[in-house]
Amino acid sequence: MGNDNWPEVGEFVVCTVKNVTDFGAYVELEEFGAREGFIHISEIKAGWVKYVRDYVREGQKIVCKVLNVDPSRGHIDLSLKDVNEHQRRAKIQEWKNEQKAAKWLQFVAEETKTDESNIQTLHERLVEEFGSAYAAFEEAAIEGEKAFKGLKVNKKDLKSIIKIAGENIKLPFVDIAGYVDLTCNLPNGIEIIKQALSAANSISDVDGKDVRLEVSYTGAPRYRIKVIAPDYKKAESVLKKSAQIAVDTISKLGGHGIFKRHIESTKA
């Protein structure tokens, strides 16, 4: 998302009300270089609206849904009534998070003496890779340099991002581990064990981006499954699912597996 872009139809946007009229309200879109949009009186609220000012006022921050975009006319049609309370809160939080991330990137610029154009390029790269700059800082706080593997980021900038993320993002996560003993005496036993481990690792895709799962070798026939998740219940569920998939997979392919639970540590 950038100042040179236009919002997409269906997108939720944060707006500042600039002018209220008898037939609607003109607003500025905060995330799009203060581009102007219009909310027709029929899109203010479900049902009949007599006075627009009963629902919006100049200077107010609101969340709208984009109905239509016409770059050739510089026109954006918006709806206020199509945004429920949950969507409003989620969008405001997302917007606030991106403001924080923009501020943190300025800290990175000051710390590394990086010029504005390079920081803008870095910002765009982070958004493209992680979906948002704030998400990039979250990943930096959780994964460190590992989160940026394969991404071309200046070493100084990367170290600064990780440092600033650690100082500003305090994520409540739990960290647990368990072990599976996997054996297979068939000629292709090693490949079968690899299949079982691959199946175990795939559970992280099923349970979402907020879960980190690592499977590592500790010494035959034992493999360690480590789970990092937002809470203990989630972590425990993913660990059990992952271990069970490994055991089930190797059993079906002619091997044998046993899950041994072990709590490594917890962090609030």
Protein backbone atom coordinates (compact mmCIF):
# COMPACT_ATOMS: atom_id res chain seq x y z
CA MET A 1 0.00 0.00 0.00
CA GLY A 2 1.49 3.31 -1.00
CA ASN A 3 0.66 6.90 -1.74
CA ASP A 4 0.82 6.33 -5.51
CA ASN A 5 -1.70 3.49 -5.36
CA TRP A 6 -5.45 3.36 -5.40
CA PRO A 7 -7.57 1.25 -3.07
CA GLU A 8 -9.26 -1.86 -4.38
CA VAL A 9 -13.01 -2.36 -4.53
CA GLY A 10 -14.13 -4.17 -1.38
CA GLU A 11 -11.15 -2.98 0.67
CA PHE A 12 -11.59 -1.36 4.07
CA VAL A 13 -9.89 2.03 4.41
CA VAL A 14 -9.28 4.51 7.23
CA CYS A 15 -10.66 7.95 6.42
CA THR A 16 -10.75 11.42 7.96
CA VAL A 17 -14.01 13.31 7.42
CA LYS A 18 -13.24 16.64 5.75
CA ASN A 19 -16.59 18.07 4.70
CA VAL A 20 -20.14 17.06 5.61
CA THR A 21 -22.95 18.11 3.28
CA ASP A 22 -26.69 17.50 3.09
CA PHE A 23 -26.15 14.68 0.61
CA GLY A 24 -23.09 12.94 2.00
CA ALA A 25 -19.55 13.38 3.27
CA TYR A 26 -16.18 13.99 1.65
CA VAL A 27 -13.26 12.19 3.28
CA GLU A 28 -9.50 11.74 2.88
CA LEU A 29 -8.09 8.21 2.72
CA GLU A 30 -5.24 8.11 5.23
CA GLU A 31 -3.35 5.20 3.65
CA PHE A 32 -3.45 6.49 0.09
CA GLY A 33 -1.75 9.85 0.14
CA ALA A 34 -4.91 11.55 1.44
CA ARG A 35 -6.82 10.80 -1.78
CA GLU A 36 -10.39 12.06 -1.56
CA GLY A 37 -13.43 9.82 -1.43
CA PHE A 38 -17.15 10.39 -1.10
CA ILE A 39 -19.82 8.69 1.04
CA HIS A 40 -23.30 9.24 -0.38
CA ILE A 41 -26.06 9.78 2.18
CA SER A 42 -27.53 6.38 1.20
CA GLU A 43 -24.24 4.75 2.29
CA ILE A 44 -24.03 6.48 5.68
CA LYS A 45 -26.39 4.15 7.52
CA ALA A 46 -28.92 1.43 6.77
CA GLY A 47 -32.35 3.00 6.61
CA TRP A 48 -33.37 6.60 6.18
CA VAL A 49 -30.92 9.34 7.12
CA LYS A 50 -32.26 12.85 7.61
CA TYR A 51 -29.11 14.62 8.76
CA VAL A 52 -25.67 13.31 7.77
CA ARG A 53 -24.13 15.19 10.71
CA ASP A 54 -26.03 12.95 13.10
CA TYR A 55 -23.62 10.16 12.07
CA VAL A 56 -20.35 11.78 10.95
CA ARG A 57 -18.57 15.04 11.71
CA GLU A 58 -15.56 16.93 10.37
CA GLY A 59 -12.26 15.67 11.74
CA GLN A 60 -13.66 12.26 12.69
CA LYS A 61 -11.67 9.09 11.86
CA ILE A 62 -13.90 6.43 10.32
CA VAL A 63 -13.51 3.13 8.46
CA CYS A 64 -15.23 2.76 5.09
CA LYS A 65 -15.61 0.07 2.46
CA VAL A 66 -14.56 0.92 -1.08
CA LEU A 67 -17.48 0.60 -3.51
CA ASN A 68 -16.01 2.00 -6.69
CA VAL A 69 -12.72 3.47 -7.91
CA ASP A 70 -12.31 5.62 -11.03
CA PRO A 71 -8.67 6.81 -11.32
CA SER A 72 -9.41 8.67 -14.57
CA ARG A 73 -11.83 10.95 -12.70
CA GLY A 74 -9.96 10.78 -9.42
CA HIS A 75 -13.14 9.48 -7.82
CA ILE A 76 -13.63 6.95 -5.00
CA ASP A 77 -17.09 5.90 -3.79
CA LEU A 78 -17.26 4.67 -0.20
CA SER A 79 -19.71 3.09 2.21
CA LEU A 80 -19.87 3.56 5.95
CA LYS A 81 -22.92 1.36 6.52
CA ASP A 82 -21.21 -1.73 5.06
CA VAL A 83 -18.61 -1.81 7.86
CA ASN A 84 -19.51 -3.67 11.05
CA GLU A 85 -17.94 -3.04 14.45
CA HIS A 86 -15.54 -5.99 14.25
CA GLN A 87 -14.30 -4.89 10.83
CA ARG A 88 -13.93 -1.31 12.04
CA ARG A 89 -11.83 -2.29 15.06
CA ALA A 90 -9.67 -4.69 13.06
CA LYS A 91 -8.96 -2.08 10.40
CA ILE A 92 -8.17 0.66 12.92
CA GLN A 93 -5.75 -1.69 14.69
CA GLU A 94 -4.11 -2.61 11.39
CA TRP A 95 -3.74 1.06 10.50
CA LYS A 96 -2.26 1.90 13.91
CA ASN A 97 0.18 -1.00 13.58
CA GLU A 98 1.34 0.26 10.19
CA GLN A 99 1.86 3.72 11.65
CA LYS A 100 4.05 2.16 14.34
CA ALA A 101 5.99 0.22 11.70
CA ALA A 102 6.55 3.41 9.66
CA LYS A 103 7.92 5.08 12.79
CA TRP A 104 10.18 2.09 13.50
CA LEU A 105 11.52 2.26 9.96
CA GLN A 106 12.44 5.87 10.62
CA PHE A 107 14.37 4.64 13.65
CA VAL A 108 16.12 2.17 11.34
CA ALA A 109 16.97 5.04 8.95
CA GLU A 110 18.41 7.15 11.77
CA GLU A 111 20.37 4.27 13.27
CA THR A 112 21.85 3.08 9.97
CA LYS A 113 22.05 6.50 8.33
CA THR A 114 19.95 5.22 5.42
CA ASP A 115 18.41 7.86 3.15
CA GLU A 116 14.65 8.27 2.69
CA SER A 117 14.44 6.71 -0.78
CA ASN A 118 16.20 3.54 0.37
CA ILE A 119 13.95 3.28 3.41
CA GLN A 120 10.92 3.66 1.13
CA THR A 121 12.26 0.85 -1.05
CA LEU A 122 12.81 -1.26 2.06
CA HIS A 123 9.27 -0.53 3.22
CA GLU A 124 7.84 -1.63 -0.13
CA ARG A 125 9.94 -4.80 -0.08
CA LEU A 126 8.72 -5.70 3.42
CA VAL A 127 5.09 -5.12 2.46
CA GLU A 128 5.49 -7.24 -0.67
CA GLU A 129 7.12 -10.08 1.26
CA PHE A 130 5.15 -10.06 4.53
CA GLY A 131 1.88 -8.36 3.61
CA SER A 132 2.60 -5.37 5.86
CA ALA A 133 5.58 -3.64 7.43
CA TYR A 134 4.25 -4.42 10.91
CA ALA A 135 4.06 -8.13 10.05
CA ALA A 136 7.72 -7.96 9.03
CA PHE A 137 8.66 -6.54 12.43
CA GLU A 138 6.57 -9.26 14.11
CA GLU A 139 8.43 -11.93 12.17
CA ALA A 140 11.72 -10.28 13.10
CA ALA A 141 10.74 -10.40 16.78
CA ILE A 142 9.85 -14.10 16.54
CA GLU A 143 12.34 -15.52 14.05
CA GLY A 144 15.20 -13.02 13.89
CA GLU A 145 17.33 -13.22 10.73
CA LYS A 146 15.68 -16.51 9.78
CA ALA A 147 12.48 -14.63 8.88
CA PHE A 148 14.35 -12.72 6.15
CA LYS A 149 16.07 -15.68 4.51
CA GLY A 150 16.18 -15.19 0.76
CA LEU A 151 15.11 -11.55 1.01
CA LYS A 152 17.58 -8.93 -0.18
CA VAL A 153 17.94 -6.63 2.81
CA ASN A 154 21.03 -4.64 3.71
CA LYS A 155 22.81 -6.32 6.65
CA LYS A 156 22.86 -3.12 8.70
CA ASP A 157 19.17 -2.51 8.07
CA LEU A 158 18.34 -6.11 8.96
CA LYS A 159 20.19 -5.98 12.28
CA SER A 160 18.49 -2.70 13.11
CA ILE A 161 15.03 -4.08 12.24
CA ILE A 162 15.59 -7.11 14.49
CA LYS A 163 16.86 -4.91 17.33
CA ILE A 164 13.97 -2.44 17.10
CA ALA A 165 11.43 -5.27 16.75
CA GLY A 166 12.77 -6.90 19.91
CA GLU A 167 12.53 -3.61 21.79
CA ASN A 168 8.99 -2.78 20.70
CA ILE A 169 7.08 -6.01 20.08
CA LYS A 170 6.34 -8.21 23.05
CA LEU A 171 4.54 -11.29 21.75
CA PRO A 172 3.06 -13.75 24.27
CA PHE A 173 4.18 -17.14 23.00
CA VAL A 174 4.68 -20.60 24.49
CA ASP A 175 7.46 -22.90 23.41
CA ILE A 176 6.98 -26.68 23.84
CA ALA A 177 8.56 -29.83 22.46
CA GLY A 178 8.03 -33.56 22.18
CA TYR A 179 9.79 -36.53 20.59
CA VAL A 180 8.86 -39.25 18.14
CA ASP A 181 10.84 -42.46 17.76
CA LEU A 182 10.58 -43.60 14.13
CA THR A 183 11.97 -46.88 12.84
CA CYS A 184 11.59 -48.84 9.61
CA ASN A 185 13.55 -51.98 8.65
CA LEU A 186 12.42 -52.03 5.02
CA PRO A 187 15.04 -51.47 2.25
CA ASN A 188 13.62 -47.96 1.66
CA GLY A 189 13.28 -47.29 5.39
CA ILE A 190 15.14 -43.98 5.28
CA GLU A 191 12.79 -42.62 2.62
CA ILE A 192 9.77 -43.80 4.62
CA ILE A 193 11.04 -41.98 7.72
CA LYS A 194 11.56 -38.84 5.63
CA GLN A 195 7.96 -39.09 4.43
CA ALA A 196 6.73 -39.38 8.00
CA LEU A 197 8.75 -36.34 9.07
CA SER A 198 7.51 -34.34 6.08
CA ALA A 199 3.93 -35.21 7.01
CA ALA A 200 4.61 -34.11 10.61
CA ASN A 201 5.99 -30.79 9.43
CA SER A 202 2.99 -30.07 7.20
CA ILE A 203 0.68 -29.57 10.19
CA SER A 204 2.03 -26.01 10.58
CA ASP A 205 0.37 -25.10 7.26
CA VAL A 206 -2.94 -26.43 8.53
CA ASP A 207 -2.85 -24.50 11.80
CA GLY A 208 -1.97 -21.06 10.49
CA LYS A 209 0.82 -18.49 10.28
CA ASP A 210 0.82 -17.83 14.02
CA VAL A 211 2.35 -21.28 14.67
CA ARG A 212 6.01 -22.23 14.20
CA LEU A 213 6.87 -25.91 13.96
CA GLU A 214 10.34 -27.41 13.67
CA VAL A 215 11.27 -31.07 13.29
CA SER A 216 14.90 -31.95 13.98
CA TYR A 217 17.06 -35.07 14.33
CA THR A 218 18.43 -35.77 17.82
CA GLY A 219 19.90 -39.25 17.34
CA ALA A 220 18.48 -42.49 15.93
CA PRO A 221 15.65 -43.27 16.17
CA ARG A 222 14.57 -40.06 17.87
CA TYR A 223 13.29 -36.84 16.28
CA ARG A 224 12.35 -33.68 18.13
CA ILE A 225 9.17 -31.73 17.32
CA LYS A 226 9.23 -28.16 18.59
CA VAL A 227 6.15 -25.92 18.51
CA ILE A 228 5.94 -22.18 19.16
CA ALA A 229 2.37 -20.85 19.38
CA PRO A 230 0.38 -17.97 20.90
CA ASP A 231 -0.89 -20.10 23.80
CA TYR A 232 -0.31 -23.45 25.45
CA LYS A 233 -3.58 -25.02 24.25
CA LYS A 234 -2.76 -24.23 20.62
CA ALA A 235 0.84 -25.42 20.97
CA GLU A 236 -0.20 -28.68 22.63
CA SER A 237 -2.82 -29.35 19.94
CA VAL A 238 -0.36 -28.79 17.09
CA LEU A 239 2.33 -30.92 18.78
CA LYS A 240 -0.05 -33.84 19.23
CA LYS A 241 -1.38 -33.57 15.67
CA SER A 242 2.13 -33.39 14.23
CA ALA A 243 3.37 -36.37 16.23
CA GLN A 244 0.28 -38.43 15.43
CA ILE A 245 0.63 -37.76 11.71
CA ALA A 246 4.27 -38.91 11.84
CA VAL A 247 3.30 -42.10 13.70
CA ASP A 248 0.32 -42.83 11.44
CA THR A 249 2.31 -42.21 8.26
CA ILE A 250 5.22 -44.47 9.14
CA SER A 251 2.85 -47.20 10.41
CA LYS A 252 0.93 -47.23 7.12
CA LEU A 253 4.20 -47.51 5.19
CA GLY A 254 5.50 -50.50 7.15
CA GLY A 255 7.46 -48.86 9.96
CA HIS A 256 6.88 -48.11 13.63
CA GLY A 257 6.47 -44.86 15.58
CA ILE A 258 6.03 -43.78 19.19
CA PHE A 259 5.28 -40.28 20.54
CA LYS A 260 6.95 -39.20 23.78
CA ARG A 261 5.70 -35.93 25.26
CA HIS A 262 8.21 -33.54 26.72
CA ILE A 263 7.72 -29.91 27.79
CA GLU A 264 10.84 -27.94 26.98
CA SER A 265 9.91 -24.54 28.35
CA THR A 266 7.16 -21.97 28.52
CA LYS A 267 7.36 -18.22 28.11
CA ALA A 268 4.66 -15.67 28.86
